[in-house]
Structure formats: C-alpha cells, structure tokens
Protein backbone atom coordinates (compact mmCIF):
# COMPACT_ATOMS: atom_id res chain seq x y z
CA MET A 1 106.37 86.46 98.64
CA ALA A 2 103.24 86.75 96.51
CA SER A 3 103.14 89.31 93.71
CA THR A 4 99.59 90.46 94.56
CA MET A 5 97.78 91.31 97.76
CA LYS A 6 94.32 92.05 99.12
CA ALA A 7 93.55 95.71 99.75
CA MET A 8 90.54 97.82 100.73
CA ARG A 9 90.57 100.73 98.28
CA LEU A 10 88.66 104.01 98.25
CA HIS A 11 87.54 105.18 94.80
CA GLU A 12 85.89 108.54 95.54
CA LEU A 13 85.50 111.23 98.18
CA GLY A 14 83.27 109.92 100.95
CA GLY A 15 82.91 106.56 99.22
CA SER A 16 83.01 103.06 100.67
CA PHE A 17 86.00 100.70 100.64
CA GLN A 18 86.16 98.01 97.98
CA LEU A 19 88.06 94.75 98.49
CA GLU A 20 90.43 94.30 95.54
CA GLU A 21 93.44 92.27 94.46
CA VAL A 22 96.33 94.62 93.59
CA PRO A 23 100.10 94.31 93.03
CA VAL A 24 102.32 94.28 96.12
CA PRO A 25 104.00 97.72 96.10
CA GLN A 26 107.72 97.98 95.45
CA PRO A 27 109.81 100.09 97.85
CA GLY A 28 111.81 102.99 96.46
CA PRO A 29 115.40 103.60 97.55
CA ASN A 30 114.29 105.44 100.73
CA ASP A 31 111.30 103.19 101.55
CA ALA A 32 110.61 99.99 103.44
CA LEU A 33 108.06 97.33 102.52
CA VAL A 34 106.03 96.32 105.57
CA ARG A 35 103.86 93.22 105.98
CA LEU A 36 100.90 94.41 108.05
CA LYS A 37 99.94 92.71 111.31
CA ALA A 38 97.43 95.29 112.63
CA THR A 39 96.04 98.64 111.47
CA GLY A 40 93.98 100.91 113.71
CA VAL A 41 90.56 102.24 112.77
CA GLY A 42 89.68 105.63 114.21
CA LEU A 43 87.34 108.56 113.73
CA THR A 44 90.18 110.61 112.20
CA LEU A 45 89.95 108.65 108.96
CA VAL A 46 86.16 108.48 109.06
CA ILE A 47 86.24 112.28 108.93
CA MET A 48 89.18 112.56 106.53
CA ARG A 49 87.75 110.30 103.84
CA SER A 50 84.80 112.72 103.55
CA THR A 51 86.89 115.91 103.71
CA PRO A 52 87.86 117.41 100.33
CA GLY A 53 91.53 117.96 99.53
CA LEU A 54 93.20 115.39 101.80
CA VAL A 55 93.34 112.37 99.47
CA ASP A 56 95.40 113.43 96.46
CA GLU A 57 94.21 110.77 94.00
CA TYR A 58 91.97 107.74 93.71
CA PRO A 59 91.91 104.84 94.13
CA ARG A 60 93.65 105.11 97.50
CA ILE A 61 94.38 102.67 100.34
CA LEU A 62 93.82 104.44 103.68
CA GLY A 63 95.14 103.41 107.09
CA HIS A 64 97.91 105.17 109.03
CA GLU A 65 97.95 103.44 112.44
CA ILE A 66 100.06 100.51 111.33
CA ALA A 67 102.14 97.80 112.94
CA GLY A 68 103.98 95.14 111.03
CA GLU A 69 107.26 93.56 109.98
CA VAL A 70 109.78 95.02 107.56
CA VAL A 71 110.25 92.50 104.73
CA GLU A 72 112.32 94.57 102.29
CA THR A 73 114.22 97.86 102.35
CA GLY A 74 115.37 100.31 99.70
CA SER A 75 119.03 100.74 98.90
CA HIS A 76 119.41 103.99 100.93
CA VAL A 77 117.63 102.81 104.09
CA THR A 78 119.76 102.55 107.24
CA ASN A 79 117.41 103.12 110.19
CA VAL A 80 115.40 99.88 109.90
CA GLY A 81 116.17 96.40 108.59
CA VAL A 82 114.39 93.27 107.44
CA GLY A 83 112.66 91.60 110.36
CA ASP A 84 112.17 94.78 112.41
CA HIS A 85 108.79 95.25 114.10
CA VAL A 86 107.68 98.80 113.28
CA THR A 87 104.95 101.39 113.44
CA CYS A 88 104.67 104.68 111.59
CA HIS A 89 104.51 108.45 112.10
CA PHE A 90 101.41 109.84 110.38
CA TYR A 91 102.79 113.12 108.96
CA LEU A 92 104.97 113.35 105.86
CA THR A 93 107.42 116.12 106.68
CA CYS A 94 110.72 117.53 105.42
CA HIS A 95 112.68 116.64 108.63
CA ASN A 96 114.85 119.70 107.94
CA CYS A 97 112.96 122.95 108.59
CA ARG A 98 113.23 124.70 111.95
CA TYR A 99 110.04 123.08 113.21
CA CYS A 100 111.09 119.55 112.26
CA ARG A 101 114.54 120.12 113.71
CA SER A 102 113.09 121.32 117.02
CA GLY A 103 110.76 118.35 117.45
CA ARG A 104 107.61 120.09 116.20
CA GLU A 105 107.21 118.06 113.02
CA THR A 106 103.47 118.71 112.88
CA LEU A 107 104.22 122.36 112.03
CA CYS A 108 106.56 121.45 109.13
CA GLU A 109 106.93 124.32 106.66
CA TYR A 110 107.04 121.86 103.77
CA PHE A 111 104.34 119.43 104.93
CA ARG A 112 103.49 116.94 102.16
CA GLY A 113 100.29 115.45 103.58
CA TYR A 114 99.45 112.30 105.51
CA PHE A 115 100.60 108.72 105.17
CA GLY A 116 97.58 106.73 103.98
CA LEU A 117 96.09 109.77 102.23
CA VAL A 118 98.76 110.85 99.74
CA LEU A 119 100.53 107.49 99.96
CA ASP A 120 98.81 104.11 100.18
CA GLY A 121 98.43 102.96 103.77
CA GLY A 122 97.64 100.01 105.96
CA TYR A 123 94.24 98.63 104.95
CA ALA A 124 96.11 96.09 102.83
CA GLU A 125 98.37 93.11 103.38
CA TYR A 126 101.51 95.14 102.54
CA THR A 127 102.45 98.80 102.39
CA THR A 128 105.53 100.84 101.52
CA VAL A 129 106.52 103.57 103.96
CA PRO A 130 109.24 106.25 103.82
CA ALA A 131 111.74 104.63 106.18
CA VAL A 132 112.35 107.90 108.02
CA ASN A 133 108.71 107.71 109.19
CA LEU A 134 109.14 104.28 110.76
CA CYS A 135 109.55 103.76 114.49
CA LYS A 136 110.77 100.46 115.96
CA ILE A 137 108.39 98.79 118.40
CA PRO A 138 109.96 97.72 121.72
CA ASP A 139 110.10 94.05 122.66
CA GLY A 140 107.04 93.03 124.64
CA VAL A 141 104.65 95.40 122.85
CA SER A 142 102.19 93.60 120.57
CA SER A 143 101.28 94.68 117.06
CA LEU A 144 97.73 95.43 118.18
CA ASP A 145 98.94 97.66 121.02
CA ALA A 146 101.55 99.35 118.83
CA CYS A 147 99.13 100.29 116.06
CA VAL A 148 96.98 102.03 118.69
CA ALA A 149 100.05 103.89 119.96
CA ALA A 150 100.67 105.29 116.48
CA ASP A 151 97.88 107.83 116.91
CA ALA A 152 95.49 107.09 119.76
CA ILE A 153 98.19 107.13 122.45
CA CYS A 154 100.91 109.40 121.09
CA THR A 155 98.34 112.14 120.40
CA PRO A 156 97.18 112.25 124.05
CA TYR A 157 100.84 112.19 125.10
CA HIS A 158 101.37 115.47 123.24
CA ASN A 159 97.99 116.86 124.35
CA CYS A 160 98.63 116.21 128.04
CA VAL A 161 102.37 116.80 128.32
CA ALA A 162 103.20 119.54 125.80
CA GLU A 163 99.92 121.45 125.50
CA ALA A 164 97.87 121.02 128.70
CA GLN A 165 101.11 120.71 130.72
CA ILE A 166 99.30 118.67 133.36
CA LYS A 167 100.90 118.68 136.79
CA PRO A 168 100.20 116.45 139.80
CA GLY A 169 96.92 117.53 141.37
CA ASP A 170 95.52 119.33 138.32
CA VAL A 171 91.85 118.72 137.51
CA VAL A 172 91.38 117.81 133.85
CA ALA A 173 88.13 117.54 131.86
CA ILE A 174 88.30 115.23 128.84
CA VAL A 175 85.53 115.59 126.25
CA GLY A 176 84.53 112.57 124.18
CA ALA A 177 86.28 110.56 126.88
CA GLY A 178 85.14 107.13 125.67
CA GLY A 179 86.41 107.61 122.12
CA GLY A 180 89.42 105.92 120.59
CA VAL A 181 91.91 108.71 121.30
CA ALA A 182 90.34 110.33 124.36
CA ILE A 183 90.05 107.07 126.30
CA HIS A 184 93.82 106.98 126.31
CA ALA A 185 93.94 110.64 127.34
CA VAL A 186 91.99 109.60 130.45
CA GLN A 187 94.94 107.38 131.30
CA MET A 188 97.67 109.77 130.10
CA ALA A 189 96.33 112.65 132.18
CA GLN A 190 96.53 110.43 135.25
CA VAL A 191 100.09 109.33 134.40
CA CYS A 192 100.90 113.06 134.49
CA GLY A 193 99.26 113.34 137.92
CA GLY A 194 95.92 114.77 136.82
CA HIS A 195 92.50 114.16 138.37
CA VAL A 196 90.09 113.40 135.52
CA ILE A 197 86.48 114.32 134.77
CA GLY A 198 85.28 112.25 131.80
CA ILE A 199 82.60 113.70 129.50
CA ASP A 200 80.70 111.64 126.93
CA VAL A 201 77.16 111.14 125.65
CA SER A 202 77.35 107.34 125.96
CA GLU A 203 76.71 105.76 129.37
CA LYS A 204 78.45 102.58 128.22
CA LYS A 205 81.57 104.56 127.39
CA LEU A 206 81.42 106.47 130.65
CA GLU A 207 81.43 103.17 132.57
CA MET A 208 84.77 102.32 130.94
CA VAL A 209 86.08 105.83 131.68
CA SER A 210 85.22 105.33 135.36
CA GLN A 211 86.94 101.95 135.39
CA LEU A 212 90.08 103.62 134.03
CA GLY A 213 90.24 105.95 137.03
CA ALA A 214 88.22 109.10 136.30
CA PHE A 215 87.00 110.48 139.63
CA ALA A 216 83.82 111.80 137.99
CA THR A 217 81.91 111.44 134.72
CA LEU A 218 79.13 113.47 133.19
CA ASN A 219 76.80 113.12 130.23
CA PRO A 220 75.94 116.43 128.48
CA ALA A 221 72.70 114.85 127.27
CA GLN A 222 71.59 114.53 130.89
CA THR A 223 73.20 117.43 132.73
CA ASP A 224 74.64 120.90 132.11
CA THR A 225 78.38 120.46 131.49
CA VAL A 226 79.47 123.84 132.87
CA GLU A 227 77.30 123.66 135.99
CA GLU A 228 78.49 120.14 136.73
CA ILE A 229 82.18 120.98 136.27
CA LEU A 230 81.90 124.05 138.50
CA SER A 231 80.11 121.97 141.12
CA LEU A 232 82.79 119.26 141.01
CA THR A 233 85.56 121.87 141.40
CA ASP A 234 83.92 124.01 144.12
CA GLY A 235 83.45 126.81 141.59
CA ARG A 236 87.11 127.02 140.54
CA GLY A 237 86.84 125.39 137.13
CA VAL A 238 89.31 122.91 135.66
CA ASP A 239 93.02 123.41 135.04
CA ALA A 240 92.71 121.85 131.58
CA TYR A 241 89.79 121.04 129.30
CA ILE A 242 90.90 118.76 126.46
CA ASP A 243 88.29 118.58 123.72
CA TYR A 244 88.33 115.59 121.36
CA VAL A 245 84.90 116.45 119.92
CA ALA A 246 85.30 120.19 119.25
CA SER A 247 81.77 121.13 118.33
CA ARG A 248 80.59 124.66 118.98
CA GLU A 249 78.75 123.42 122.08
CA THR A 250 81.68 121.57 123.61
CA LEU A 251 84.16 124.36 122.88
CA GLU A 252 81.96 127.09 124.36
CA ALA A 253 81.40 124.88 127.42
CA GLY A 254 85.17 124.56 127.65
CA VAL A 255 85.74 128.31 127.67
CA ALA A 256 83.17 128.60 130.47
CA SER A 257 84.65 125.67 132.45
CA ILE A 258 88.35 126.50 132.71
CA GLY A 259 89.61 128.23 135.82
CA ARG A 260 92.26 130.85 136.44
CA GLY A 261 95.28 130.06 134.29
CA GLY A 262 93.30 127.22 132.71
CA LYS A 263 93.97 125.76 129.29
CA LEU A 264 91.46 124.80 126.59
CA VAL A 265 93.17 122.26 124.31
CA ILE A 266 91.48 121.66 120.96
CA VAL A 267 92.26 118.23 119.52
CA GLY A 268 89.17 117.16 117.62
CA TYR A 269 87.73 118.87 114.58
CA ARG A 270 84.31 118.58 112.97
CA PRO A 271 84.61 119.93 109.41
CA ALA A 272 81.24 121.11 108.19
CA ALA A 273 81.63 119.04 105.00
CA ALA A 274 81.66 115.84 107.07
CA TYR A 275 78.99 116.91 109.60
CA ASP A 276 75.90 118.04 107.69
CA ASN A 277 77.32 121.54 107.09
CA VAL A 278 77.13 122.42 110.80
CA SER A 279 79.90 124.92 111.62
CA PRO A 280 82.08 124.21 114.69
CA ASN A 281 83.09 127.89 115.01
CA PHE A 282 82.71 129.31 118.52
CA THR A 283 83.04 132.66 120.26
CA VAL A 284 85.17 133.77 123.20
CA ASP A 285 85.25 136.83 125.42
CA PRO A 286 88.81 138.21 125.16
CA LEU A 287 88.39 140.07 128.46
CA GLN A 288 87.78 136.75 130.23
CA LEU A 289 90.95 135.24 128.73
CA LEU A 290 92.92 138.37 129.59
CA THR A 291 91.60 138.73 133.15
CA TYR A 292 92.17 135.10 134.13
CA ALA A 293 95.30 134.47 132.02
CA GLN A 294 93.62 131.60 130.22
CA GLU A 295 95.00 129.87 127.14
CA ILE A 296 93.56 128.23 124.03
CA HIS A 297 95.83 125.64 122.41
CA GLY A 298 95.54 123.92 119.06
CA SER A 299 97.15 120.50 119.41
CA ARG A 300 98.20 118.45 116.36
CA TYR A 301 99.34 114.84 116.59
CA CYS A 302 102.86 114.37 118.06
CA SER A 303 106.59 114.33 117.38
CA MET A 304 108.51 111.17 116.57
CA GLU A 305 110.06 111.31 120.04
CA GLU A 306 106.60 111.44 121.63
CA LEU A 307 105.59 108.38 119.57
CA LYS A 308 108.64 106.53 120.94
CA GLN A 309 107.79 107.58 124.49
CA SER A 310 104.19 106.40 124.04
CA LEU A 311 105.40 102.95 123.02
CA GLU A 312 107.66 102.93 126.08
CA LEU A 313 104.71 103.74 128.37
CA ILE A 314 102.91 100.70 126.97
CA ARG A 315 106.01 98.56 127.53
CA GLN A 316 106.19 99.79 131.13
CA GLY A 317 102.52 99.00 131.69
CA LYS A 318 101.62 102.60 132.53
CA ILE A 319 99.19 102.95 129.61
CA LYS A 320 96.84 100.16 128.56
CA PRO A 321 95.68 100.31 124.93
CA ILE A 322 91.89 99.93 124.82
CA VAL A 323 90.80 97.98 121.72
CA THR A 324 87.25 96.68 122.06
CA GLU A 325 86.54 95.70 118.44
CA THR A 326 88.71 93.88 115.91
CA TYR A 327 87.89 93.21 112.27
CA ARG A 328 89.27 91.30 109.31
CA LEU A 329 90.57 93.32 106.37
CA GLU A 330 87.43 92.74 104.32
CA GLU A 331 85.35 94.12 107.23
CA THR A 332 87.04 97.55 107.20
CA GLU A 333 83.90 99.29 105.92
CA THR A 334 81.87 97.70 108.72
CA ALA A 335 84.36 99.12 111.22
CA PHE A 336 84.03 102.63 109.73
CA GLN A 337 80.24 102.45 109.94
CA ALA A 338 80.40 101.39 113.60
CA LEU A 339 82.54 104.44 114.35
CA LEU A 340 80.26 106.72 112.38
CA GLU A 341 77.34 105.52 114.50
CA ASN A 342 79.32 106.04 117.75
CA ARG A 343 79.11 102.33 118.63
CA VAL A 344 82.79 101.73 119.45
CA THR A 345 84.21 102.26 122.95
CA GLY A 346 87.95 102.95 122.74
CA ARG A 347 89.71 101.86 119.58
CA ALA A 348 88.91 99.42 116.78
CA ALA A 349 91.51 97.70 114.61
CA VAL A 350 91.92 95.54 111.54
CA VAL A 351 94.02 92.48 112.33
CA PHE A 352 95.84 90.22 109.88
CA ASP A 353 96.60 86.52 110.16
C-alpha cells in the first residue's frame, strides 16, 4: 500500500476544496483503515462547511457518506475485519449514555461531533474510522448504493418510521422532494404505506418524484402550497408534512397544511450564516396545535439499527438509491457547486477507481 494518498482538503470556513497529496492515515487501536470506493455528496455538507463551529480544525477532509473496504484494523477492533465492505454512522457518540443505549444515538449526552468534520472523512483515497461507527454492507449492495444509504436513505427511514409514524393510507407531503435525501423519503413513505404529495421548485425534479410514485406534485413557485394541499385532501390536510428545506415559508405552510392529529417533521435546516443571513424562524398558533392535537417533531439522522435496516431495504429492492451525478475525487468542488445551485436531482457521489 502506498504511503501517500490524494485528498480534497478544506483550509478555511466556507472555503473551496484543494487537491493535495497527504500521508495515508494510520489507524489507532480502536480504528479501521478504509480504502474508499464511493463517498456521497449532499447538501448537508454544503451547509456545514459554511457553518461556524462544526469543523474543529483546518485543514480538514470532509465526507461522511462513505463505502469502502477495510484494509487494516487496530489492535482492539473486533466488530470488523480486513476485507469487510463497510459504511459509516455519521455521529461520534459515547455509545454508553441512556440515549445511546436506547437506540437514540443522535441525542447522545456526550456527543463529540461528526465524522468528516472533527475527524478526516471520505473525500480521499483512504480514511480511518472509529470501528464502532462502521456498519457492514450486505452482499448484493454496491458501494455506490451503500454510500447513499449512509445518510440519504437512513435519515428518511427515521423520519418516516420513528417521527412521522406513517401508516398505510396516510397522506404525506414531502418538501424539497427532488433533493438527495427527500427523494428517498418519497420512496420510504410509500414503503410505510403512505400516499405522497411531492413539493419542489424544480419541474425536472418533480418529474422524477412522479416517476417514483407520488400521486401528486406541486411547485410553490407556481401555486399556493397550502391551498393545493387542502384541495388534494378534500380540506382535511395531510397526516404528515416532512420538511427537508425548513425555510420560514415552508415551515409555516406546513403548520397550515397538517390535519387533525397531523405531524410536522423538521429535517432540513437553513442556518442564517449559510443563507445570506435570512432567518428560518417561524411562528405557530399554540391554540391550533392544542385544538387539533398536532405535533411538531425535530428529526436528527438515525440510529445504527436504522442504518442497518436501510441497507437491508436496498438489498430487498424496496428502496432504489437515486444517484444522478458521479464525480472523480478531484471534481469534488464541482459537485458542491452543482448542489449549491440546485442542479442535482437526487444524490451525487464521488467514485473511486
């Protein structure tokens, strides 16, 4: 194995990636060294690289949606071995507090940050990962599909199953439906038995959403979201409104669109620092929530078990990962710009030879 590798490194908050030759990292006793085969590119990191306080030091190699092969393990590692095909859980947690122990790792009391933000990640030929964060990929699931599962599929799994609690026959509105995470929520909601309304400002993306089974689509740039949802539901409103954009406008439309007992699930976030200092804060009428027993849920990522289940849904053919753009490692910055300009339907990924 070579002693150096190619990596795309970030040198400052909100900066661009630079292609550099750096030493191959050495795994510690609890780590595994992974040779990358595919790393997802999503809006999460586009936002995070411009958000103060998330990257602990520079230069940093980003990239958390990884898939690759274990090529070396530390002396204390027992859960994975050389040759295993693996992906990675995004959150660095203690695995021991009451939240971690109960399968709610994203609420860890001793959260240490994110893989790829406080540890070097997957926009490189190799990366070291705490072995406890690694998840084996089932036979028959490709690296490209698995890297998408590591965020863009396991997140909707948690959104739809644990938070929205979608039941057969429920009507579900999905906002930003053509985006890299939400396009898989369109599928996940239907796996749960939901009837989907896809919402996006791109007609091209809405075509894909329709092809994936949404019974209706709407474009807020062309029609009033609330009026259209109420029309589509005979005035009842939706059972769940899952918002992957989470601007003030989309969130207030969500509050006005959910029916009796309905759930507004907030997944996206638009920090003012990354969006021209426009605040996403919104207002609600507590009497409305009280009268109609409505719920607002904040939904963060997923548990390790939900990641495993997401990979299994791919293996079973019940969820199809949607990757419409692939890039070479040195094109990572190009991929980020395409996402920033809203030009990518579904997911993008960096693929390695």
